[in-house]
Structures are given as C-alpha cells and as structure tokens.
PDB file of N, CA and C in Angstrom:
ATOM      1  N   MET A   1      62.394  24.251   4.645  1.00  0.00           N
ATOM      2  CA  MET A   1      61.259  23.345   4.680  1.00  0.00           C
ATOM      3  C   MET A   1      61.756  21.911   4.665  1.00  0.00           C
ATOM      4  N   PHE A   2      61.028  21.075   5.348  1.00  0.00           N
ATOM      5  CA  PHE A   2      61.293  19.646   5.359  1.00  0.00           C
ATOM      6  C   PHE A   2      60.060  18.934   4.842  1.00  0.00           C
ATOM      7  N   LYS A   3      60.222  17.686   4.453  1.00  0.00           N
ATOM      8  CA  LYS A   3      59.073  16.889   4.035  1.00  0.00           C
ATOM      9  C   LYS A   3      59.019  15.622   4.876  1.00  0.00           C
ATOM     10  N   ILE A   4      57.838  15.384   5.419  1.00  0.00           N
ATOM     11  CA  ILE A   4      57.593  14.162   6.190  1.00  0.00           C
ATOM     12  C   ILE A   4      57.223  13.037   5.225  1.00  0.00           C
ATOM     13  N   LYS A   5      57.742  11.861   5.482  1.00  0.00           N
ATOM     14  CA  LYS A   5      57.358  10.702   4.680  1.00  0.00           C
ATOM     15  C   LYS A   5      55.855  10.468   4.840  1.00  0.00           C
ATOM     16  N   GLU A   6      55.203  10.186   3.753  1.00  0.00           N
ATOM     17  CA  GLU A   6      53.739  10.030   3.750  1.00  0.00           C
ATOM     18  C   GLU A   6      53.259   9.080   4.840  1.00  0.00           C
ATOM     19  N   GLU A   7      53.951   7.973   5.012  1.00  0.00           N
ATOM     20  CA  GLU A   7      53.518   6.964   5.981  1.00  0.00           C
ATOM     21  C   GLU A   7      53.721   7.398   7.433  1.00  0.00           C
ATOM     22  N   HIS A   8      54.400   8.525   7.651  1.00  0.00           N
ATOM     23  CA  HIS A   8      54.680   8.982   9.020  1.00  0.00           C
ATOM     24  C   HIS A   8      53.967  10.277   9.417  1.00  0.00           C
ATOM     25  N   LYS A   9      53.150  10.830   8.535  1.00  0.00           N
ATOM     26  CA  LYS A   9      52.538  12.129   8.814  1.00  0.00           C
ATOM     27  C   LYS A   9      51.706  12.128  10.099  1.00  0.00           C
ATOM     28  N   GLU A  10      50.848  11.166  10.284  1.00  0.00           N
ATOM     29  CA  GLU A  10      49.981  11.137  11.470  1.00  0.00           C
ATOM     30  C   GLU A  10      50.782  10.890  12.749  1.00  0.00           C
ATOM     31  N   GLU A  11      51.751   9.993  12.664  1.00  0.00           N
ATOM     32  CA  GLU A  11      52.588   9.717  13.834  1.00  0.00           C
ATOM     33  C   GLU A  11      53.417  10.949  14.210  1.00  0.00           C
ATOM     34  N   TYR A  12      53.923  11.667  13.218  1.00  0.00           N
ATOM     35  CA  TYR A  12      54.680  12.892  13.460  1.00  0.00           C
ATOM     36  C   TYR A  12      53.808  13.905  14.211  1.00  0.00           C
ATOM     37  N   LYS A  13      52.581  14.066  13.781  1.00  0.00           N
ATOM     38  CA  LYS A  13      51.655  14.997  14.443  1.00  0.00           C
ATOM     39  C   LYS A  13      51.401  14.576  15.888  1.00  0.00           C
ATOM     40  N   LYS A  14      51.241  13.287  16.118  1.00  0.00           N
ATOM     41  CA  LYS A  14      51.003  12.799  17.482  1.00  0.00           C
ATOM     42  C   LYS A  14      52.193  13.104  18.390  1.00  0.00           C
ATOM     43  N   HIS A  15      53.405  12.906  17.882  1.00  0.00           N
ATOM     44  CA  HIS A  15      54.595  13.215  18.684  1.00  0.00           C
ATOM     45  C   HIS A  15      54.632  14.695  19.048  1.00  0.00           C
ATOM     46  N   HIS A  16      54.168  15.545  18.156  1.00  0.00           N
ATOM     47  CA  HIS A  16      54.208  16.980  18.429  1.00  0.00           C
ATOM     48  C   HIS A  16      53.037  17.458  19.288  1.00  0.00           C
ATOM     49  N   GLN A  17      52.113  16.583  19.570  1.00  0.00           N
ATOM     50  CA  GLN A  17      51.089  16.887  20.567  1.00  0.00           C
ATOM     51  C   GLN A  17      51.608  16.551  21.962  1.00  0.00           C
ATOM     52  N   ASN A  18      52.702  15.808  22.014  1.00  0.00           N
ATOM     53  CA  ASN A  18      53.300  15.384  23.277  1.00  0.00           C
ATOM     54  C   ASN A  18      54.818  15.559  23.255  1.00  0.00           C
ATOM     55  N   VAL A  19      55.261  16.747  22.904  1.00  0.00           N
ATOM     56  CA  VAL A  19      56.702  17.015  22.872  1.00  0.00           C
ATOM     57  C   VAL A  19      57.260  16.853  24.285  1.00  0.00           C
ATOM     58  N   TRP A  20      58.415  16.244  24.378  1.00  0.00           N
ATOM     59  CA  TRP A  20      59.039  16.024  25.676  1.00  0.00           C
ATOM     60  C   TRP A  20      59.164  17.348  26.425  1.00  0.00           C
ATOM     61  N   PRO A  21      58.821  17.376  27.698  1.00  0.00           N
ATOM     62  CA  PRO A  21      58.934  18.628  28.478  1.00  0.00           C
ATOM     63  C   PRO A  21      60.346  19.220  28.467  1.00  0.00           C
ATOM     64  N   GLU A  22      61.364  18.370  28.458  1.00  0.00           N
ATOM     65  CA  GLU A  22      62.744  18.860  28.429  1.00  0.00           C
ATOM     66  C   GLU A  22      63.039  19.609  27.128  1.00  0.00           C
ATOM     67  N   VAL A  23      62.421  19.161  26.035  1.00  0.00           N
ATOM     68  CA  VAL A  23      62.598  19.838  24.746  1.00  0.00           C
ATOM     69  C   VAL A  23      61.914  21.200  24.782  1.00  0.00           C
ATOM     70  N   LEU A  24      60.719  21.250  25.338  1.00  0.00           N
ATOM     71  CA  LEU A  24      60.017  22.535  25.450  1.00  0.00           C
ATOM     72  C   LEU A  24      60.813  23.522  26.300  1.00  0.00           C
ATOM     73  N   ASN A  25      61.420  23.032  27.367  1.00  0.00           N
ATOM     74  CA  ASN A  25      62.236  23.900  28.228  1.00  0.00           C
ATOM     75  C   ASN A  25      63.439  24.462  27.486  1.00  0.00           C
ATOM     76  N   VAL A  26      64.123  23.636  26.720  1.00  0.00           N
ATOM     77  CA  VAL A  26      65.304  24.117  26.003  1.00  0.00           C
ATOM     78  C   VAL A  26      64.897  25.092  24.897  1.00  0.00           C
ATOM     79  N   ILE A  27      63.746  24.895  24.293  1.00  0.00           N
ATOM     80  CA  ILE A  27      63.248  25.845  23.293  1.00  0.00           C
ATOM     81  C   ILE A  27      63.054  27.213  23.943  1.00  0.00           C
ATOM     82  N   ARG A  28      62.400  27.229  25.081  1.00  0.00           N
ATOM     83  CA  ARG A  28      62.147  28.498  25.781  1.00  0.00           C
ATOM     84  C   ARG A  28      63.437  29.161  26.241  1.00  0.00           C
ATOM     85  N   ARG A  29      64.344  28.355  26.807  1.00  0.00           N
ATOM     86  CA  ARG A  29      65.616  28.905  27.311  1.00  0.00           C
ATOM     87  C   ARG A  29      66.475  29.490  26.199  1.00  0.00           C
ATOM     88  N   ASN A  30      66.269  29.025  24.987  1.00  0.00           N
ATOM     89  CA  ASN A  30      67.081  29.499  23.877  1.00  0.00           C
ATOM     90  C   ASN A  30      66.366  30.576  23.057  1.00  0.00           C
ATOM     91  N   GLY A  31      65.391  31.230  23.661  1.00  0.00           N
ATOM     92  CA  GLY A  31      64.831  32.453  23.095  1.00  0.00           C
ATOM     93  C   GLY A  31      63.752  32.321  22.054  1.00  0.00           C
ATOM     94  N   ARG A  32      63.215  31.132  21.865  1.00  0.00           N
ATOM     95  CA  ARG A  32      62.173  30.969  20.858  1.00  0.00           C
ATOM     96  C   ARG A  32      60.803  31.203  21.479  1.00  0.00           C
ATOM     97  N   LYS A  33      60.053  32.110  20.872  1.00  0.00           N
ATOM     98  CA  LYS A  33      58.709  32.438  21.328  1.00  0.00           C
ATOM     99  C   LYS A  33      57.739  32.258  20.168  1.00  0.00           C
ATOM    100  N   ASN A  34      56.477  32.018  20.511  1.00  0.00           N
ATOM    101  CA  ASN A  34      55.441  31.921  19.487  1.00  0.00           C
ATOM    102  C   ASN A  34      55.869  30.939  18.386  1.00  0.00           C
ATOM    103  N   TYR A  35      56.312  29.761  18.795  1.00  0.00           N
ATOM    104  CA  TYR A  35      56.888  28.759  17.895  1.00  0.00           C
ATOM    105  C   TYR A  35      55.773  27.882  17.331  1.00  0.00           C
ATOM    106  N   SER A  36      55.707  27.768  16.031  1.00  0.00           N
ATOM    107  CA  SER A  36      54.712  26.927  15.359  1.00  0.00           C
ATOM    108  C   SER A  36      55.378  26.127  14.256  1.00  0.00           C
ATOM    109  N   ILE A  37      54.817  24.959  13.993  1.00  0.00           N
ATOM    110  CA  ILE A  37      55.206  24.166  12.830  1.00  0.00           C
ATOM    111  C   ILE A  37      53.921  23.921  12.047  1.00  0.00           C
ATOM    112  N   PHE A  38      53.973  24.209  10.763  1.00  0.00           N
ATOM    113  CA  PHE A  38      52.823  24.023   9.885  1.00  0.00           C
ATOM    114  C   PHE A  38      53.132  22.904   8.896  1.00  0.00           C
ATOM    115  N   MET A  39      52.091  22.139   8.504  1.00  0.00           N
ATOM    116  CA  MET A  39      52.263  21.051   7.541  1.00  0.00           C
ATOM    117  C   MET A  39      51.265  21.209   6.397  1.00  0.00           C
ATOM    118  N   THR A  40      51.760  21.087   5.173  1.00  0.00           N
ATOM    119  CA  THR A  40      50.874  21.078   4.013  1.00  0.00           C
ATOM    120  C   THR A  40      50.264  19.685   3.872  1.00  0.00           C
ATOM    121  N   PRO A  41      49.200  19.538   3.077  1.00  0.00           N
ATOM    122  CA  PRO A  41      48.621  18.199   2.856  1.00  0.00           C
ATOM    123  C   PRO A  41      49.633  17.205   2.285  1.00  0.00           C
ATOM    124  N   GLU A  42      50.641  17.703   1.575  1.00  0.00           N
ATOM    125  CA  GLU A  42      51.661  16.827   0.983  1.00  0.00           C
ATOM    126  C   GLU A  42      52.743  16.430   1.985  1.00  0.00           C
ATOM    127  N   GLY A  43      52.716  17.024   3.182  1.00  0.00           N
ATOM    128  CA  GLY A  43      53.695  16.672   4.202  1.00  0.00           C
ATOM    129  C   GLY A  43      54.877  17.611   4.306  1.00  0.00           C
ATOM    130  N   PHE A  44      54.848  18.739   3.600  1.00  0.00           N
ATOM    131  CA  PHE A  44      55.918  19.717   3.743  1.00  0.00           C
ATOM    132  C   PHE A  44      55.710  20.490   5.036  1.00  0.00           C
ATOM    133  N   LEU A  45      56.798  20.700   5.777  1.00  0.00           N
ATOM    134  CA  LEU A  45      56.749  21.416   7.041  1.00  0.00           C
ATOM    135  C   LEU A  45      57.404  22.780   6.912  1.00  0.00           C
ATOM    136  N   PHE A  46      56.823  23.735   7.606  1.00  0.00           N
ATOM    137  CA  PHE A  46      57.397  25.065   7.715  1.00  0.00           C
ATOM    138  C   PHE A  46      57.352  25.450   9.177  1.00  0.00           C
ATOM    139  N   GLY A  47      58.501  25.734   9.768  1.00  0.00           N
ATOM    140  CA  GLY A  47      58.558  26.138  11.158  1.00  0.00           C
ATOM    141  C   GLY A  47      58.721  27.638  11.274  1.00  0.00           C
ATOM    142  N   TYR A  48      58.121  28.193  12.314  1.00  0.00           N
ATOM    143  CA  TYR A  48      58.135  29.633  12.531  1.00  0.00           C
ATOM    144  C   TYR A  48      58.298  29.917  14.013  1.00  0.00           C
ATOM    145  N   PHE A  49      59.164  30.843  14.366  1.00  0.00           N
ATOM    146  CA  PHE A  49      59.224  31.329  15.739  1.00  0.00           C
ATOM    147  C   PHE A  49      59.684  32.776  15.724  1.00  0.00           C
ATOM    148  N   GLU A  50      59.372  33.459  16.803  1.00  0.00           N
ATOM    149  CA  GLU A  50      59.794  34.840  16.985  1.00  0.00           C
ATOM    150  C   GLU A  50      60.835  34.875  18.090  1.00  0.00           C
ATOM    151  N   THR A  51      61.711  35.866  18.011  1.00  0.00           N
ATOM    152  CA  THR A  51      62.734  36.025  19.040  1.00  0.00           C
ATOM    153  C   THR A  51      63.255  37.455  19.040  1.00  0.00           C
ATOM    154  N   LEU A  52      63.714  37.872  20.183  1.00  0.00           N
ATOM    155  CA  LEU A  52      64.421  39.145  20.306  1.00  0.00           C
ATOM    156  C   LEU A  52      65.898  38.894  20.563  1.00  0.00           C
ATOM    157  N   ASP A  53      66.266  37.618  20.660  1.00  0.00           N
ATOM    158  CA  ASP A  53      67.647  37.245  20.957  1.00  0.00           C
ATOM    159  C   ASP A  53      68.503  37.203  19.693  1.00  0.00           C
ATOM    160  N   ARG A  54      69.804  37.247  19.920  1.00  0.00           N
ATOM    161  CA  ARG A  54      70.751  37.148  18.813  1.00  0.00           C
ATOM    162  C   ARG A  54      70.748  35.734  18.254  1.00  0.00           C
ATOM    163  N   ILE A  55      71.099  35.602  16.998  1.00  0.00           N
ATOM    164  CA  ILE A  55      71.072  34.309  16.317  1.00  0.00           C
ATOM    165  C   ILE A  55      71.981  33.299  17.012  1.00  0.00           C
ATOM    166  N   GLU A  56      73.070  33.749  17.621  1.00  0.00           N
ATOM    167  CA  GLU A  56      73.976  32.828  18.312  1.00  0.00           C
ATOM    168  C   GLU A  56      73.248  32.104  19.440  1.00  0.00           C
ATOM    169  N   LYS A  57      72.406  32.826  20.177  1.00  0.00           N
ATOM    170  CA  LYS A  57      71.655  32.199  21.259  1.00  0.00           C
ATOM    171  C   LYS A  57      70.634  31.219  20.695  1.00  0.00           C
ATOM    172  N   ILE A  58      69.968  31.605  19.637  1.00  0.00           N
ATOM    173  CA  ILE A  58      68.960  30.741  19.012  1.00  0.00           C
ATOM    174  C   ILE A  58      69.609  29.442  18.544  1.00  0.00           C
ATOM    175  N   LEU A  59      70.760  29.555  17.922  1.00  0.00           N
ATOM    176  CA  LEU A  59      71.436  28.365  17.386  1.00  0.00           C
ATOM    177  C   LEU A  59      72.102  27.528  18.463  1.00  0.00           C
ATOM    178  N   SER A  60      72.274  28.080  19.670  1.00  0.00           N
ATOM    179  CA  SER A  60      72.924  27.309  20.730  1.00  0.00           C
ATOM    180  C   SER A  60      72.088  26.101  21.147  1.00  0.00           C
ATOM    181  N   ILE A  61      70.839  26.042  20.719  1.00  0.00           N
ATOM    182  CA  ILE A  61      69.999  24.873  21.000  1.00  0.00           C
ATOM    183  C   ILE A  61      70.620  23.611  20.391  1.00  0.00           C
ATOM    184  N   GLU A  62      71.377  23.781  19.307  1.00  0.00           N
ATOM    185  CA  GLU A  62      72.049  22.646  18.665  1.00  0.00           C
ATOM    186  C   GLU A  62      72.933  21.883  19.630  1.00  0.00           C
ATOM    187  N   ASP A  63      73.524  22.599  20.578  1.00  0.00           N
ATOM    188  CA  ASP A  63      74.470  21.993  21.504  1.00  0.00           C
ATOM    189  C   ASP A  63      73.807  21.319  22.705  1.00  0.00           C
ATOM    190  N   GLN A  64      72.515  21.446  22.833  1.00  0.00           N
ATOM    191  CA  GLN A  64      71.788  20.877  23.967  1.00  0.00           C
ATOM    192  C   GLN A  64      71.548  19.385  23.723  1.00  0.00           C
ATOM    193  N   GLU A  65      71.955  18.565  24.660  1.00  0.00           N
ATOM    194  CA  GLU A  65      71.857  17.104  24.500  1.00  0.00           C
ATOM    195  C   GLU A  65      70.419  16.647  24.252  1.00  0.00           C
ATOM    196  N   ILE A  66      69.453  17.233  24.949  1.00  0.00           N
ATOM    197  CA  ILE A  66      68.062  16.808  24.764  1.00  0.00           C
ATOM    198  C   ILE A  66      67.572  17.146  23.361  1.00  0.00           C
ATOM    199  N   ASN A  67      68.036  18.253  22.802  1.00  0.00           N
ATOM    200  CA  ASN A  67      67.666  18.594  21.433  1.00  0.00           C
ATOM    201  C   ASN A  67      68.236  17.578  20.452  1.00  0.00           C
ATOM    202  N   LYS A  68      69.485  17.170  20.678  1.00  0.00           N
ATOM    203  CA  LYS A  68      70.093  16.162  19.804  1.00  0.00           C
ATOM    204  C   LYS A  68      69.293  14.858  19.857  1.00  0.00           C
ATOM    205  N   LYS A  69      68.875  14.468  21.061  1.00  0.00           N
ATOM    206  CA  LYS A  69      68.086  13.231  21.193  1.00  0.00           C
ATOM    207  C   LYS A  69      66.762  13.350  20.460  1.00  0.00           C
ATOM    208  N   TRP A  70      66.090  14.512  20.609  1.00  0.00           N
ATOM    209  CA  TRP A  70      64.806  14.719  19.922  1.00  0.00           C
ATOM    210  C   TRP A  70      65.005  14.708  18.403  1.00  0.00           C
ATOM    211  N   GLN A  71      66.035  15.398  17.925  1.00  0.00           N
ATOM    212  CA  GLN A  71      66.287  15.438  16.480  1.00  0.00           C
ATOM    213  C   GLN A  71      66.591  14.041  15.932  1.00  0.00           C
ATOM    214  N   ASP A  72      67.372  13.266  16.666  1.00  0.00           N
ATOM    215  CA  ASP A  72      67.661  11.894  16.240  1.00  0.00           C
ATOM    216  C   ASP A  72      66.396  11.036  16.247  1.00  0.00           C
ATOM    217  N   PHE A  73      65.548  11.257  17.241  1.00  0.00           N
ATOM    218  CA  PHE A  73      64.284  10.524  17.352  1.00  0.00           C
ATOM    219  C   PHE A  73      63.367  10.837  16.171  1.00  0.00           C
ATOM    220  N   MET A  74      63.338  12.097  15.733  1.00  0.00           N
ATOM    221  CA  MET A  74      62.441  12.524  14.667  1.00  0.00           C
ATOM    222  C   MET A  74      63.015  12.294  13.265  1.00  0.00           C
ATOM    223  N   ALA A  75      64.323  12.147  13.132  1.00  0.00           N
ATOM    224  CA  ALA A  75      64.976  12.044  11.821  1.00  0.00           C
ATOM    225  C   ALA A  75      64.367  10.998  10.888  1.00  0.00           C
ATOM    226  N   PRO A  76      63.986   9.802  11.357  1.00  0.00           N
ATOM    227  CA  PRO A  76      63.440   8.806  10.432  1.00  0.00           C
ATOM    228  C   PRO A  76      62.116   9.213   9.778  1.00  0.00           C
ATOM    229  N   TYR A  77      61.466  10.229  10.283  1.00  0.00           N
ATOM    230  CA  TYR A  77      60.185  10.668   9.732  1.00  0.00           C
ATOM    231  C   TYR A  77      60.344  11.518   8.475  1.00  0.00           C
ATOM    232  N   PHE A  78      61.535  12.066   8.264  1.00  0.00           N
ATOM    233  CA  PHE A  78      61.766  13.002   7.174  1.00  0.00           C
ATOM    234  C   PHE A  78      62.304  12.337   5.926  1.00  0.00           C
ATOM    235  N   GLU A  79      62.028  12.982   4.797  1.00  0.00           N
ATOM    236  CA  GLU A  79      62.622  12.573   3.530  1.00  0.00           C
ATOM    237  C   GLU A  79      63.899  13.364   3.309  1.00  0.00           C
ATOM    238  N   ASN A  80      64.972  12.688   2.993  1.00  0.00           N
ATOM    239  CA  ASN A  80      66.201  13.304   2.488  1.00  0.00           C
ATOM    240  C   ASN A  80      66.733  14.493   3.286  1.00  0.00           C
ATOM    241  N   ILE A  81      66.920  14.342   4.592  1.00  0.00           N
ATOM    242  CA  ILE A  81      67.493  15.469   5.331  1.00  0.00           C
ATOM    243  C   ILE A  81      68.954  15.242   5.700  1.00  0.00           C
ATOM    244  N   GLY A  82      69.413  14.008   5.631  1.00  0.00           N
ATOM    245  CA  GLY A  82      70.794  13.748   6.036  1.00  0.00           C
ATOM    246  C   GLY A  82      71.010  14.226   7.457  1.00  0.00           C
ATOM    247  N   ASN A  83      72.036  15.019   7.686  1.00  0.00           N
ATOM    248  CA  ASN A  83      72.303  15.592   9.010  1.00  0.00           C
ATOM    249  C   ASN A  83      71.829  17.040   9.107  1.00  0.00           C
ATOM    250  N   ASN A  84      70.956  17.451   8.226  1.00  0.00           N
ATOM    251  CA  ASN A  84      70.488  18.834   8.195  1.00  0.00           C
ATOM    252  C   ASN A  84      69.267  19.029   9.067  1.00  0.00           C
ATOM    253  N   TYR A  85      69.456  18.927  10.372  1.00  0.00           N
ATOM    254  CA  TYR A  85      68.359  19.149  11.291  1.00  0.00           C
ATOM    255  C   TYR A  85      67.901  20.598  11.218  1.00  0.00           C
ATOM    256  N   ALA A  86      66.778  20.870  11.829  1.00  0.00           N
ATOM    257  CA  ALA A  86      66.124  22.172  11.716  1.00  0.00           C
ATOM    258  C   ALA A  86      67.054  23.349  11.979  1.00  0.00           C
ATOM    259  N   GLU A  87      67.879  23.284  13.020  1.00  0.00           N
ATOM    260  CA  GLU A  87      68.715  24.415  13.373  1.00  0.00           C
ATOM    261  C   GLU A  87      69.706  24.774  12.269  1.00  0.00           C
ATOM    262  N   LYS A  88      70.099  23.807  11.479  1.00  0.00           N
ATOM    263  CA  LYS A  88      71.051  24.066  10.407  1.00  0.00           C
ATOM    264  C   LYS A  88      70.387  24.718   9.205  1.00  0.00           C
ATOM    265  N   ARG A  89      69.053  24.801   9.230  1.00  0.00           N
ATOM    266  CA  ARG A  89      68.338  25.353   8.080  1.00  0.00           C
ATOM    267  C   ARG A  89      67.559  26.618   8.423  1.00  0.00           C
ATOM    268  N   ILE A  90      67.862  27.224   9.564  1.00  0.00           N
ATOM    269  CA  ILE A  90      67.157  28.443   9.956  1.00  0.00           C
ATOM    270  C   ILE A  90      67.531  29.580   9.007  1.00  0.00           C
ATOM    271  N   VAL A  91      66.524  30.290   8.565  1.00  0.00           N
ATOM    272  CA  VAL A  91      66.695  31.455   7.712  1.00  0.00           C
ATOM    273  C   VAL A  91      66.027  32.632   8.407  1.00  0.00           C
ATOM    274  N   THR A  92      66.729  33.740   8.522  1.00  0.00           N
ATOM    275  CA  THR A  92      66.146  34.944   9.091  1.00  0.00           C
ATOM    276  C   THR A  92      65.336  35.641   8.013  1.00  0.00           C
ATOM    277  N   LEU A  93      64.079  35.932   8.330  1.00  0.00           N
ATOM    278  CA  LEU A  93      63.192  36.576   7.364  1.00  0.00           C
ATOM    279  C   LEU A  93      62.956  38.028   7.757  1.00  0.00           C
ATOM    280  N   GLU A  94      62.916  38.889   6.772  1.00  0.00           N
ATOM    281  CA  GLU A  94      62.594  40.288   7.001  1.00  0.00           C
ATOM    282  C   GLU A  94      61.097  40.474   6.826  1.00  0.00           C
ATOM    283  N   GLU A  95      60.454  41.029   7.828  1.00  0.00           N
ATOM    284  CA  GLU A  95      59.033  41.294   7.722  1.00  0.00           C
ATOM    285  C   GLU A  95      58.825  42.507   6.813  1.00  0.00           C
ATOM    286  N   VAL A  96      58.035  42.327   5.768  1.00  0.00           N
ATOM    287  CA  VAL A  96      57.762  43.415   4.835  1.00  0.00           C
ATOM    288  C   VAL A  96      56.306  43.857   4.895  1.00  0.00           C
ATOM    289  N   PHE A  97      55.481  43.112   5.617  1.00  0.00           N
ATOM    290  CA  PHE A  97      54.084  43.510   5.813  1.00  0.00           C
ATOM    291  C   PHE A  97      53.525  42.808   7.044  1.00  0.00           C
ATOM    292  N   HIS A  98      52.695  43.528   7.793  1.00  0.00           N
ATOM    293  CA  HIS A  98      52.021  42.952   8.946  1.00  0.00           C
ATOM    294  C   HIS A  98      50.735  43.713   9.173  1.00  0.00           C
ATOM    295  N   THR A  99      49.684  42.990   9.557  1.00  0.00           N
ATOM    296  CA  THR A  99      48.446  43.622   9.981  1.00  0.00           C
ATOM    297  C   THR A  99      47.839  42.801  11.097  1.00  0.00           C
ATOM    298  N   ASP A 100      47.164  43.451  12.029  1.00  0.00           N
ATOM    299  CA  ASP A 100      46.467  42.745  13.112  1.00  0.00           C
ATOM    300  C   ASP A 100      44.984  42.704  12.806  1.00  0.00           C
TER     301      ASP A 100
END
C-alpha cells in the first residue's frame, strides 16, 4: 500500500483518468489484466491485478522506459516511498474465498 499526500489526492485521481496510452500498452503487454487501484478516504492506495503470467514477466514492466517515466512523474504525489515504486512492492496473494 502507498499513501497519497493529502494535497495531491484529487490531482492523482485526475492523472489516472488520463493515463498515458503508452503506459496502458506496457501494462497489457506485461500480462496485467483487470487492473484496479483503490483509494481510501485517507489517501491509502491498494492496487490489484490478475494475471496468468509468471512473476518474471509481470516484473519486467520495471525495465520499460515509459513505466520509469510514469513512476517518476507520479513519485511526488506519494508519502515516504523513496525508490520503492509499485513493482518493487508487489505481493502475490493466495485466494482463499471467492463468490460471484
């Protein structure tokens, strides 16, 4: 989870309504499907995506130049992340319950 600085919450949301097309393409090419980012009222973010690909392919997005530019562009919006962009904090979750 990341936390958005209070003064940047609305601007962060606006940027994600207009994600660069090149970023969307690299997300798709690197196996991420059904990708969502959720925000709590306090500004905490939780990202979620599904994939059938191996983790190596998912993490290869780190090496994509457009992803680096997007991450650098978004970095000032976060509290205390240092160089820990999203890809460095991915955790694989085991599904223990599901219902439709």
